[in-house]
C-alpha cells in the first residue's frame, strides 16, 4: 500500500488521518495473466490503482475485431468513468496481460471517502478529475502523432510496456496493424 500512498501524495498534502482513512478503504487484490477484471455488460463499481503488471482495456468494432482502448500500466488509477459514475453496463472488457497487483476502491468506499470530510472530498475529487483529464490529454497527444511517433513515445516513456505486452496489442494501442509495427521496428533497428 506504500505505492498507493506515494501516488496519492503526488496530488497534494492531506492529513495522516485522512490518508489512513482513504488507503484503508482500498482492498489489495491480484489477477493472474488472462483473468478478466471487467466483462461485457458489467457495471463498473470500482476505481483501480495498478501497483504492478499490465491490463488490456478493449472493445470490439463492428467487424468483430478487438480494438485496444488503453494499456493500463503500473502506478496509475483507472476506471471506466461512464460506467462507474452513471452505473451503466459497459460493452468494454479489461483483462490482465501479466500477473497484476492492484488496489480497489469500491463505489461505496468512494462515497464514504467523499462524505468523511470536506478536505478528503476535495482531495478525491482532484484525483478523479486527474484520471479524466489524463485520458483527454493522452488522446489529444496521440491524435497529433504519427504511428511511428506513438511507438517511439512508448519506447521512451514506457519501455517496460513494450517489453511485456504482446506486439498485436501494442500495434492496436498505437492505431496500426501488427505488420506495420514490425516494419517500424525493423526500420528503427536498422537505423
N, C-alpha and C. Protein backbone atom coordinates (compact mmCIF):
# COMPACT_ATOMS: atom_id res chain seq x y z
N UNK A 1 0.81 -1.20 0.00
CA UNK A 1 0.00 0.00 0.00
C UNK A 1 0.86 1.27 0.00
N UNK A 2 2.17 1.10 0.21
CA UNK A 2 3.03 2.28 0.21
C UNK A 2 3.03 2.96 -1.16
N UNK A 3 3.00 2.16 -2.21
CA UNK A 3 2.97 2.73 -3.56
C UNK A 3 1.71 3.57 -3.76
N UNK A 4 0.59 3.12 -3.22
CA UNK A 4 -0.67 3.86 -3.30
C UNK A 4 -0.56 5.16 -2.51
N UNK A 5 0.02 5.10 -1.32
CA UNK A 5 0.22 6.31 -0.52
C UNK A 5 1.09 7.32 -1.28
N UNK A 6 2.16 6.82 -1.88
CA UNK A 6 3.06 7.70 -2.64
C UNK A 6 2.32 8.33 -3.83
N UNK A 7 1.49 7.52 -4.49
CA UNK A 7 0.70 8.03 -5.61
C UNK A 7 -0.21 9.16 -5.14
N UNK A 8 -0.93 8.94 -4.06
CA UNK A 8 -1.84 9.97 -3.54
C UNK A 8 -1.09 11.21 -3.09
N UNK A 9 0.11 11.06 -2.55
CA UNK A 9 0.90 12.22 -2.12
C UNK A 9 1.23 13.15 -3.28
N UNK A 10 1.25 12.60 -4.49
CA UNK A 10 1.50 13.42 -5.68
C UNK A 10 0.39 14.41 -5.98
N UNK A 11 -0.75 14.28 -5.30
CA UNK A 11 -1.87 15.19 -5.52
C UNK A 11 -1.96 16.28 -4.47
N UNK A 12 -1.01 16.33 -3.55
CA UNK A 12 -1.01 17.35 -2.51
C UNK A 12 -1.07 16.71 -1.13
N UNK A 13 -0.97 17.57 -0.17
CA UNK A 13 -0.93 17.11 1.22
C UNK A 13 -2.33 16.91 1.77
N UNK A 14 -2.50 15.81 2.49
CA UNK A 14 -3.67 15.60 3.32
C UNK A 14 -3.17 15.07 4.66
N UNK A 15 -3.98 15.19 5.66
CA UNK A 15 -3.55 14.77 7.00
C UNK A 15 -3.29 13.26 7.01
N UNK A 16 -2.48 12.85 7.96
CA UNK A 16 -2.19 11.42 8.12
C UNK A 16 -3.47 10.63 8.36
N UNK A 17 -4.36 11.19 9.17
CA UNK A 17 -5.63 10.53 9.45
C UNK A 17 -6.48 10.35 8.19
N UNK A 18 -6.52 11.40 7.35
CA UNK A 18 -7.28 11.32 6.10
C UNK A 18 -6.64 10.32 5.14
N UNK A 19 -5.31 10.33 5.07
CA UNK A 19 -4.61 9.37 4.20
C UNK A 19 -4.90 7.95 4.67
N UNK A 20 -4.83 7.71 5.97
CA UNK A 20 -5.12 6.38 6.51
C UNK A 20 -6.55 5.98 6.20
N UNK A 21 -7.49 6.90 6.37
CA UNK A 21 -8.90 6.60 6.09
C UNK A 21 -9.08 6.21 4.62
N UNK A 22 -8.45 6.96 3.72
CA UNK A 22 -8.55 6.70 2.29
C UNK A 22 -7.92 5.35 1.93
N UNK A 23 -6.69 5.13 2.35
CA UNK A 23 -5.97 3.90 2.00
C UNK A 23 -6.64 2.67 2.62
N UNK A 24 -7.16 2.82 3.82
CA UNK A 24 -7.83 1.69 4.48
C UNK A 24 -9.13 1.31 3.79
N UNK A 25 -9.68 2.17 2.97
CA UNK A 25 -10.89 1.86 2.21
C UNK A 25 -10.56 1.08 0.94
N UNK A 26 -9.30 0.98 0.61
CA UNK A 26 -8.86 0.26 -0.60
C UNK A 26 -8.49 -1.18 -0.23
N UNK A 27 -8.81 -2.09 -1.13
CA UNK A 27 -8.53 -3.50 -0.90
C UNK A 27 -7.48 -3.98 -1.90
N UNK A 28 -6.44 -4.62 -1.39
CA UNK A 28 -5.40 -5.17 -2.27
C UNK A 28 -5.91 -6.46 -2.90
N UNK A 29 -5.68 -6.58 -4.21
CA UNK A 29 -6.13 -7.76 -4.95
C UNK A 29 -5.09 -8.12 -6.01
N UNK A 30 -5.27 -9.31 -6.58
CA UNK A 30 -4.40 -9.73 -7.68
C UNK A 30 -5.24 -10.37 -8.78
N UNK A 31 -4.71 -10.31 -9.97
CA UNK A 31 -5.26 -11.01 -11.12
C UNK A 31 -4.12 -11.81 -11.73
N UNK A 32 -4.41 -13.01 -12.17
CA UNK A 32 -3.42 -13.79 -12.90
C UNK A 32 -3.52 -13.42 -14.38
N UNK A 33 -2.43 -13.59 -15.08
CA UNK A 33 -2.41 -13.33 -16.52
C UNK A 33 -3.60 -14.02 -17.18
N UNK A 34 -4.35 -13.25 -17.98
CA UNK A 34 -5.50 -13.79 -18.70
C UNK A 34 -6.83 -13.62 -17.99
N UNK A 35 -6.81 -13.35 -16.68
CA UNK A 35 -8.07 -13.17 -15.95
C UNK A 35 -8.70 -11.83 -16.29
N UNK A 36 -10.02 -11.79 -16.27
CA UNK A 36 -10.77 -10.57 -16.59
C UNK A 36 -11.01 -9.75 -15.32
N UNK A 37 -10.77 -8.46 -15.42
CA UNK A 37 -11.14 -7.52 -14.36
C UNK A 37 -12.56 -7.02 -14.62
N UNK A 38 -12.85 -6.75 -15.89
CA UNK A 38 -14.17 -6.26 -16.28
C UNK A 38 -14.64 -7.06 -17.48
N UNK A 39 -15.90 -7.45 -17.42
CA UNK A 39 -16.52 -8.23 -18.50
C UNK A 39 -17.60 -7.38 -19.19
N UNK A 40 -17.95 -7.75 -20.42
CA UNK A 40 -19.02 -7.01 -21.09
C UNK A 40 -20.34 -7.12 -20.31
N UNK A 41 -21.12 -6.07 -20.38
CA UNK A 41 -22.44 -5.98 -19.74
C UNK A 41 -22.35 -5.86 -18.22
N UNK A 42 -21.15 -5.60 -17.73
CA UNK A 42 -20.94 -5.41 -16.29
C UNK A 42 -21.03 -3.92 -15.98
N UNK A 43 -21.56 -3.59 -14.81
CA UNK A 43 -21.48 -2.22 -14.33
C UNK A 43 -20.20 -2.11 -13.51
N UNK A 44 -19.37 -1.17 -13.87
CA UNK A 44 -18.09 -0.99 -13.17
C UNK A 44 -18.38 -0.28 -11.86
N UNK A 45 -17.98 -0.91 -10.77
CA UNK A 45 -18.32 -0.42 -9.44
C UNK A 45 -17.09 -0.04 -8.63
N UNK A 46 -15.93 0.12 -9.30
CA UNK A 46 -14.69 0.39 -8.57
C UNK A 46 -13.76 1.28 -9.37
N UNK A 47 -12.86 1.90 -8.63
CA UNK A 47 -11.70 2.59 -9.20
C UNK A 47 -10.51 1.74 -8.80
N UNK A 48 -9.58 1.56 -9.74
CA UNK A 48 -8.46 0.65 -9.53
C UNK A 48 -7.14 1.41 -9.56
N UNK A 49 -6.25 1.07 -8.63
CA UNK A 49 -4.87 1.55 -8.66
C UNK A 49 -4.00 0.37 -9.00
N UNK A 50 -3.29 0.45 -10.11
CA UNK A 50 -2.45 -0.66 -10.57
C UNK A 50 -1.07 -0.53 -9.94
N UNK A 51 -0.71 -1.49 -9.11
CA UNK A 51 0.59 -1.48 -8.43
C UNK A 51 1.66 -2.14 -9.30
N UNK A 52 1.30 -3.25 -9.95
CA UNK A 52 2.26 -3.92 -10.84
C UNK A 52 1.50 -4.68 -11.91
N UNK A 53 2.16 -4.85 -13.04
CA UNK A 53 1.55 -5.58 -14.15
C UNK A 53 0.83 -4.66 -15.13
N UNK A 54 0.25 -5.27 -16.16
CA UNK A 54 -0.42 -4.52 -17.23
C UNK A 54 -1.81 -5.09 -17.48
N UNK A 55 -2.74 -4.17 -17.70
CA UNK A 55 -4.12 -4.53 -18.05
C UNK A 55 -4.41 -4.09 -19.48
N UNK A 56 -5.23 -4.86 -20.16
CA UNK A 56 -5.65 -4.56 -21.53
C UNK A 56 -7.13 -4.17 -21.50
N UNK A 57 -7.40 -2.90 -21.79
CA UNK A 57 -8.76 -2.38 -21.85
C UNK A 57 -9.14 -2.34 -23.32
N UNK A 58 -10.20 -3.07 -23.71
CA UNK A 58 -10.51 -3.19 -25.13
C UNK A 58 -12.00 -3.34 -25.37
N UNK A 59 -12.35 -3.19 -26.66
CA UNK A 59 -13.72 -3.38 -27.11
C UNK A 59 -13.65 -4.08 -28.46
N UNK A 60 -14.78 -4.31 -29.06
CA UNK A 60 -14.83 -4.90 -30.39
C UNK A 60 -15.52 -3.95 -31.35
N UNK A 61 -14.98 -3.84 -32.58
CA UNK A 61 -15.61 -2.99 -33.58
C UNK A 61 -16.73 -3.75 -34.29
N UNK A 62 -17.34 -3.09 -35.26
CA UNK A 62 -18.49 -3.69 -35.96
C UNK A 62 -18.11 -4.93 -36.78
N UNK A 63 -16.81 -5.14 -37.01
CA UNK A 63 -16.35 -6.32 -37.75
C UNK A 63 -15.94 -7.46 -36.81
N UNK A 64 -16.14 -7.25 -35.52
CA UNK A 64 -15.78 -8.27 -34.54
C UNK A 64 -14.30 -8.29 -34.20
N UNK A 65 -13.57 -7.26 -34.63
CA UNK A 65 -12.13 -7.18 -34.33
C UNK A 65 -11.92 -6.47 -33.00
N UNK A 66 -11.00 -7.02 -32.22
CA UNK A 66 -10.68 -6.42 -30.93
C UNK A 66 -9.88 -5.13 -31.15
N UNK A 67 -10.30 -4.08 -30.47
CA UNK A 67 -9.65 -2.77 -30.58
C UNK A 67 -9.17 -2.37 -29.19
N UNK A 68 -7.88 -2.13 -29.07
CA UNK A 68 -7.30 -1.72 -27.79
C UNK A 68 -7.65 -0.27 -27.52
N UNK A 69 -8.25 -0.02 -26.38
CA UNK A 69 -8.59 1.33 -25.98
C UNK A 69 -7.49 1.92 -25.09
N UNK A 70 -6.87 1.06 -24.29
CA UNK A 70 -5.77 1.50 -23.43
C UNK A 70 -5.04 0.29 -22.89
N UNK A 71 -3.77 0.46 -22.66
CA UNK A 71 -2.98 -0.49 -21.89
C UNK A 71 -2.68 0.24 -20.58
N UNK A 72 -3.18 -0.31 -19.48
CA UNK A 72 -3.02 0.34 -18.18
C UNK A 72 -1.77 -0.20 -17.53
N UNK A 73 -0.88 0.71 -17.18
CA UNK A 73 0.42 0.33 -16.64
C UNK A 73 0.49 0.60 -15.14
N UNK A 74 1.54 0.12 -14.49
CA UNK A 74 1.68 0.31 -13.05
C UNK A 74 1.72 1.79 -12.65
N UNK A 75 1.32 2.03 -11.43
CA UNK A 75 1.32 3.35 -10.81
C UNK A 75 0.29 4.29 -11.45
N UNK A 76 -0.84 3.72 -11.84
CA UNK A 76 -1.93 4.51 -12.41
C UNK A 76 -3.26 4.12 -11.77
N UNK A 77 -4.11 5.12 -11.57
CA UNK A 77 -5.50 4.88 -11.19
C UNK A 77 -6.31 4.85 -12.47
N UNK A 78 -7.31 3.97 -12.50
CA UNK A 78 -8.09 3.81 -13.73
C UNK A 78 -9.47 3.25 -13.41
N UNK A 79 -10.43 3.64 -14.21
CA UNK A 79 -11.75 3.03 -14.21
C UNK A 79 -12.42 3.36 -15.53
N UNK A 80 -13.53 2.74 -15.82
CA UNK A 80 -14.35 3.14 -16.96
C UNK A 80 -15.31 4.18 -16.40
N UNK A 81 -14.97 5.44 -16.60
CA UNK A 81 -15.65 6.55 -15.95
C UNK A 81 -17.16 6.55 -16.15
N UNK A 82 -17.61 6.39 -17.38
CA UNK A 82 -19.04 6.45 -17.67
C UNK A 82 -19.80 5.37 -16.89
N UNK A 83 -19.27 4.20 -16.88
CA UNK A 83 -19.92 3.10 -16.17
C UNK A 83 -19.88 3.32 -14.66
N UNK A 84 -18.75 3.78 -14.15
CA UNK A 84 -18.60 3.99 -12.71
C UNK A 84 -19.54 5.09 -12.20
N UNK A 85 -19.54 6.23 -12.86
CA UNK A 85 -20.32 7.36 -12.35
C UNK A 85 -21.81 7.27 -12.66
N UNK A 86 -22.16 6.68 -13.79
CA UNK A 86 -23.57 6.62 -14.19
C UNK A 86 -24.18 5.24 -13.96
N UNK A 87 -23.38 4.30 -13.47
CA UNK A 87 -23.82 2.94 -13.19
C UNK A 87 -24.50 2.30 -14.39
N UNK A 88 -23.87 2.48 -15.55
CA UNK A 88 -24.32 1.87 -16.78
C UNK A 88 -23.45 0.66 -17.08
N UNK A 89 -24.05 -0.34 -17.67
CA UNK A 89 -23.28 -1.50 -18.10
C UNK A 89 -22.35 -1.08 -19.23
N UNK A 90 -21.18 -1.65 -19.26
CA UNK A 90 -20.21 -1.36 -20.31
C UNK A 90 -20.17 -2.49 -21.32
N UNK A 91 -19.86 -2.15 -22.55
CA UNK A 91 -19.65 -3.20 -23.56
C UNK A 91 -18.17 -3.55 -23.65
N UNK A 92 -17.34 -2.81 -22.92
CA UNK A 92 -15.90 -2.99 -22.97
C UNK A 92 -15.46 -4.09 -22.01
N UNK A 93 -14.18 -4.47 -22.16
CA UNK A 93 -13.59 -5.50 -21.31
C UNK A 93 -12.22 -5.04 -20.83
N UNK A 94 -11.76 -5.64 -19.76
CA UNK A 94 -10.42 -5.38 -19.25
C UNK A 94 -9.85 -6.69 -18.73
N UNK A 95 -8.66 -7.03 -19.23
CA UNK A 95 -8.06 -8.33 -18.95
C UNK A 95 -6.58 -8.15 -18.58
N UNK A 96 -6.11 -8.99 -17.67
CA UNK A 96 -4.70 -8.94 -17.25
C UNK A 96 -3.81 -9.49 -18.37
N UNK A 97 -2.84 -8.69 -18.78
CA UNK A 97 -1.84 -9.13 -19.77
C UNK A 97 -0.68 -9.85 -19.09
N UNK A 98 -0.48 -9.53 -17.83
CA UNK A 98 0.54 -10.14 -16.99
C UNK A 98 -0.13 -10.40 -15.64
N UNK A 99 0.57 -10.98 -14.72
CA UNK A 99 0.03 -11.00 -13.36
C UNK A 99 -0.06 -9.56 -12.88
N UNK A 100 -1.15 -9.20 -12.23
CA UNK A 100 -1.40 -7.81 -11.85
C UNK A 100 -1.72 -7.75 -10.35
N UNK A 101 -1.07 -6.81 -9.68
CA UNK A 101 -1.43 -6.46 -8.30
C UNK A 101 -2.08 -5.09 -8.35
N UNK A 102 -3.20 -4.96 -7.66
CA UNK A 102 -3.90 -3.68 -7.69
C UNK A 102 -4.64 -3.45 -6.38
N UNK A 103 -5.04 -2.20 -6.19
CA UNK A 103 -5.87 -1.83 -5.05
C UNK A 103 -7.21 -1.38 -5.62
N UNK A 104 -8.27 -1.78 -4.97
CA UNK A 104 -9.62 -1.48 -5.45
C UNK A 104 -10.35 -0.59 -4.45
N UNK A 105 -10.93 0.48 -4.96
CA UNK A 105 -11.77 1.36 -4.16
C UNK A 105 -13.20 1.20 -4.69
N UNK A 106 -14.03 0.50 -3.94
CA UNK A 106 -15.42 0.26 -4.34
C UNK A 106 -16.22 1.56 -4.30
N UNK A 107 -17.30 1.60 -5.05
CA UNK A 107 -18.17 2.77 -5.11
C UNK A 107 -18.63 3.18 -3.70
N UNK A 108 -19.03 2.24 -2.88
CA UNK A 108 -19.50 2.57 -1.52
C UNK A 108 -18.38 3.21 -0.70
N UNK A 109 -17.14 2.73 -0.88
CA UNK A 109 -16.00 3.32 -0.18
C UNK A 109 -15.64 4.68 -0.75
N UNK A 110 -15.76 4.83 -2.05
CA UNK A 110 -15.55 6.14 -2.70
C UNK A 110 -16.52 7.15 -2.10
N UNK A 111 -17.78 6.76 -1.95
CA UNK A 111 -18.79 7.65 -1.36
C UNK A 111 -18.45 7.95 0.09
N UNK A 112 -18.03 6.95 0.84
CA UNK A 112 -17.65 7.16 2.25
C UNK A 112 -16.48 8.13 2.36
N UNK A 113 -15.52 8.02 1.45
CA UNK A 113 -14.37 8.93 1.45
C UNK A 113 -14.84 10.36 1.20
N UNK A 114 -15.73 10.52 0.22
CA UNK A 114 -16.25 11.86 -0.11
C UNK A 114 -17.05 12.47 1.05
N UNK A 115 -17.72 11.61 1.81
CA UNK A 115 -18.56 12.11 2.92
C UNK A 115 -17.78 12.29 4.23
N UNK A 116 -16.56 11.75 4.29
CA UNK A 116 -15.79 11.77 5.54
C UNK A 116 -15.54 13.18 6.04
N UNK A 117 -15.01 14.03 5.16
CA UNK A 117 -14.85 15.45 5.49
C UNK A 117 -14.56 16.23 4.20
N UNK A 118 -14.63 17.53 4.30
CA UNK A 118 -14.51 18.39 3.12
C UNK A 118 -13.12 18.27 2.47
N UNK A 119 -12.07 18.23 3.29
CA UNK A 119 -10.72 18.13 2.74
C UNK A 119 -10.54 16.86 1.93
N UNK A 120 -11.01 15.75 2.46
CA UNK A 120 -10.88 14.47 1.76
C UNK A 120 -11.78 14.44 0.53
N UNK A 121 -12.96 15.05 0.63
CA UNK A 121 -13.86 15.13 -0.54
C UNK A 121 -13.18 15.91 -1.67
N UNK A 122 -12.56 17.02 -1.34
CA UNK A 122 -11.85 17.81 -2.36
C UNK A 122 -10.67 17.04 -2.93
N UNK A 123 -9.96 16.32 -2.06
CA UNK A 123 -8.81 15.56 -2.49
C UNK A 123 -9.21 14.46 -3.47
N UNK A 124 -10.23 13.68 -3.13
CA UNK A 124 -10.64 12.57 -4.01
C UNK A 124 -11.22 13.13 -5.30
N UNK A 125 -11.83 14.30 -5.26
CA UNK A 125 -12.32 14.94 -6.48
C UNK A 125 -11.14 15.31 -7.38
N UNK A 126 -10.05 15.78 -6.80
CA UNK A 126 -8.85 16.11 -7.57
C UNK A 126 -8.29 14.87 -8.26
N UNK A 127 -8.24 13.77 -7.53
CA UNK A 127 -7.74 12.51 -8.11
C UNK A 127 -8.64 12.07 -9.26
N UNK A 128 -9.94 12.14 -9.05
CA UNK A 128 -10.90 11.73 -10.07
C UNK A 128 -10.78 12.61 -11.32
N UNK A 129 -10.66 13.90 -11.12
CA UNK A 129 -10.51 14.82 -12.25
C UNK A 129 -9.21 14.55 -13.00
N UNK A 130 -8.17 14.18 -12.27
CA UNK A 130 -6.90 13.84 -12.92
C UNK A 130 -7.05 12.62 -13.82
N UNK A 131 -7.75 11.60 -13.34
CA UNK A 131 -7.97 10.39 -14.15
C UNK A 131 -8.66 10.77 -15.46
N UNK A 132 -9.67 11.60 -15.36
CA UNK A 132 -10.42 12.02 -16.56
C UNK A 132 -9.57 12.90 -17.46
N UNK A 133 -8.91 13.89 -16.90
CA UNK A 133 -8.13 14.81 -17.73
C UNK A 133 -6.93 14.13 -18.37
N UNK A 134 -6.32 13.15 -17.68
CA UNK A 134 -5.17 12.47 -18.27
C UNK A 134 -5.59 11.67 -19.50
N UNK A 135 -6.80 11.15 -19.49
CA UNK A 135 -7.33 10.44 -20.66
C UNK A 135 -7.46 11.39 -21.84
N UNK A 136 -7.98 12.58 -21.60
CA UNK A 136 -8.16 13.57 -22.65
C UNK A 136 -6.80 14.03 -23.18
N UNK A 137 -5.87 14.30 -22.28
CA UNK A 137 -4.52 14.74 -22.69
C UNK A 137 -3.84 13.67 -23.52
N UNK A 138 -3.95 12.40 -23.09
CA UNK A 138 -3.33 11.30 -23.82
C UNK A 138 -3.91 11.18 -25.23
N UNK A 139 -5.22 11.24 -25.34
CA UNK A 139 -5.86 11.13 -26.66
C UNK A 139 -5.48 12.30 -27.55
N UNK A 140 -5.43 13.49 -26.99
CA UNK A 140 -5.05 14.68 -27.75
C UNK A 140 -3.62 14.55 -28.26
N UNK A 141 -2.73 14.10 -27.40
CA UNK A 141 -1.33 13.91 -27.78
C UNK A 141 -1.20 12.87 -28.89
N UNK A 142 -1.89 11.73 -28.72
CA UNK A 142 -1.82 10.66 -29.72
C UNK A 142 -2.37 11.11 -31.07
N UNK A 143 -3.38 11.95 -31.06
CA UNK A 143 -4.01 12.38 -32.31
C UNK A 143 -3.07 13.24 -33.15
N UNK A 144 -2.06 13.81 -32.54
CA UNK A 144 -1.13 14.69 -33.24
C UNK A 144 0.16 13.98 -33.65
N UNK A 145 0.23 12.68 -33.39
CA UNK A 145 1.45 11.94 -33.67
C UNK A 145 1.21 10.90 -34.76
N UNK A 146 2.26 10.64 -35.52
CA UNK A 146 2.20 9.54 -36.48
C UNK A 146 2.31 8.22 -35.71
N UNK A 147 2.05 7.13 -36.37
CA UNK A 147 2.16 5.81 -35.74
C UNK A 147 3.59 5.59 -35.25
N UNK A 148 4.56 5.95 -36.07
CA UNK A 148 5.96 5.77 -35.66
C UNK A 148 6.27 6.63 -34.43
N UNK A 149 5.77 7.85 -34.40
CA UNK A 149 6.00 8.72 -33.24
C UNK A 149 5.34 8.15 -31.98
N UNK A 150 4.16 7.54 -32.14
CA UNK A 150 3.49 6.91 -30.99
C UNK A 150 4.34 5.76 -30.45
N UNK A 151 4.90 4.98 -31.36
CA UNK A 151 5.74 3.86 -30.93
C UNK A 151 7.01 4.38 -30.24
N UNK A 152 7.63 5.39 -30.81
CA UNK A 152 8.82 5.98 -30.19
C UNK A 152 8.50 6.56 -28.80
N UNK A 153 7.32 7.14 -28.68
CA UNK A 153 6.87 7.67 -27.40
C UNK A 153 6.75 6.54 -26.36
N UNK A 154 6.19 5.42 -26.79
CA UNK A 154 6.10 4.26 -25.89
C UNK A 154 7.49 3.76 -25.49
N UNK A 155 8.39 3.69 -26.47
CA UNK A 155 9.76 3.24 -26.16
C UNK A 155 10.42 4.16 -25.14
N UNK A 156 10.19 5.46 -25.28
CA UNK A 156 10.83 6.41 -24.39
C UNK A 156 10.20 6.43 -22.99
N UNK A 157 8.88 6.45 -22.94
CA UNK A 157 8.20 6.65 -21.65
C UNK A 157 7.67 5.37 -21.00
N UNK A 158 7.53 4.31 -21.79
CA UNK A 158 7.01 3.04 -21.25
C UNK A 158 7.75 1.84 -21.82
N UNK A 159 9.08 1.80 -21.68
CA UNK A 159 9.83 0.68 -22.27
C UNK A 159 9.43 -0.68 -21.70
N UNK A 160 9.01 -0.71 -20.43
CA UNK A 160 8.57 -1.97 -19.84
C UNK A 160 7.29 -2.48 -20.51
N UNK A 161 6.43 -1.56 -20.94
CA UNK A 161 5.21 -1.97 -21.65
C UNK A 161 5.57 -2.62 -22.98
N UNK A 162 6.51 -2.02 -23.70
CA UNK A 162 6.92 -2.56 -25.00
C UNK A 162 7.53 -3.95 -24.83
N UNK A 163 8.22 -4.19 -23.73
CA UNK A 163 8.85 -5.48 -23.49
C UNK A 163 7.88 -6.56 -23.01
N UNK A 164 6.82 -6.16 -22.27
CA UNK A 164 5.96 -7.15 -21.62
C UNK A 164 4.60 -7.37 -22.29
N UNK A 165 4.19 -6.44 -23.13
CA UNK A 165 2.85 -6.52 -23.75
C UNK A 165 3.00 -7.10 -25.16
N UNK A 166 2.13 -8.03 -25.56
CA UNK A 166 2.22 -8.62 -26.90
C UNK A 166 2.17 -7.57 -28.02
N UNK A 167 2.90 -7.87 -29.09
CA UNK A 167 3.04 -6.94 -30.21
C UNK A 167 1.69 -6.56 -30.81
N UNK A 168 0.78 -7.52 -30.96
CA UNK A 168 -0.51 -7.20 -31.57
C UNK A 168 -1.30 -6.20 -30.72
N UNK A 169 -1.15 -6.24 -29.41
CA UNK A 169 -1.85 -5.28 -28.55
C UNK A 169 -1.18 -3.92 -28.61
N UNK A 170 0.16 -3.89 -28.63
CA UNK A 170 0.88 -2.61 -28.82
C UNK A 170 0.45 -1.99 -30.14
N UNK A 171 0.40 -2.78 -31.21
CA UNK A 171 0.00 -2.27 -32.52
C UNK A 171 -1.40 -1.66 -32.47
N UNK A 172 -2.34 -2.36 -31.89
CA UNK A 172 -3.70 -1.86 -31.78
C UNK A 172 -3.74 -0.59 -30.94
N UNK A 173 -2.98 -0.56 -29.86
CA UNK A 173 -2.94 0.60 -28.96
C UNK A 173 -2.44 1.86 -29.68
N UNK A 174 -1.47 1.72 -30.56
CA UNK A 174 -0.96 2.89 -31.27
C UNK A 174 -1.68 3.13 -32.59
N UNK A 175 -2.66 2.28 -32.89
CA UNK A 175 -3.53 2.53 -34.04
C UNK A 175 -3.00 2.02 -35.36
N UNK A 176 -2.37 0.87 -35.34
CA UNK A 176 -1.83 0.32 -36.59
C UNK A 176 -1.98 -1.21 -36.58
N UNK A 177 -1.52 -1.80 -37.67
CA UNK A 177 -1.54 -3.26 -37.74
C UNK A 177 -0.23 -3.83 -37.18
N UNK A 178 -0.25 -5.09 -36.89
CA UNK A 178 0.95 -5.79 -36.41
C UNK A 178 2.05 -5.71 -37.47
N UNK A 179 1.67 -5.87 -38.73
CA UNK A 179 2.65 -5.85 -39.83
C UNK A 179 3.33 -4.48 -39.93
N UNK A 180 2.55 -3.41 -39.83
CA UNK A 180 3.13 -2.07 -39.89
C UNK A 180 4.06 -1.83 -38.71
N UNK A 181 3.67 -2.29 -37.53
CA UNK A 181 4.55 -2.14 -36.37
C UNK A 181 5.85 -2.91 -36.58
N UNK A 182 5.79 -4.10 -37.16
CA UNK A 182 7.02 -4.85 -37.45
C UNK A 182 7.91 -4.07 -38.41
N UNK A 183 7.33 -3.43 -39.41
CA UNK A 183 8.13 -2.61 -40.34
C UNK A 183 8.78 -1.44 -39.61
N UNK A 184 8.05 -0.81 -38.74
CA UNK A 184 8.60 0.32 -37.96
C UNK A 184 9.74 -0.17 -37.08
N UNK A 185 9.55 -1.29 -36.44
CA UNK A 185 10.61 -1.84 -35.57
C UNK A 185 11.86 -2.20 -36.36
N UNK A 186 11.66 -2.82 -37.55
CA UNK A 186 12.82 -3.15 -38.41
C UNK A 186 13.55 -1.87 -38.83
N UNK A 187 12.79 -0.85 -39.20
CA UNK A 187 13.38 0.41 -39.62
C UNK A 187 14.20 1.04 -38.49
N UNK A 188 13.65 1.02 -37.28
CA UNK A 188 14.37 1.60 -36.14
C UNK A 188 15.59 0.79 -35.78
N UNK A 189 15.51 -0.53 -35.92
CA UNK A 189 16.67 -1.40 -35.63
C UNK A 189 17.78 -1.16 -36.63
N UNK A 190 17.41 -0.92 -37.89
CA UNK A 190 18.39 -0.72 -38.96
C UNK A 190 19.07 0.66 -38.86
N UNK A 191 18.39 1.61 -38.24
CA UNK A 191 18.90 2.98 -38.17
C UNK A 191 20.06 3.12 -37.21
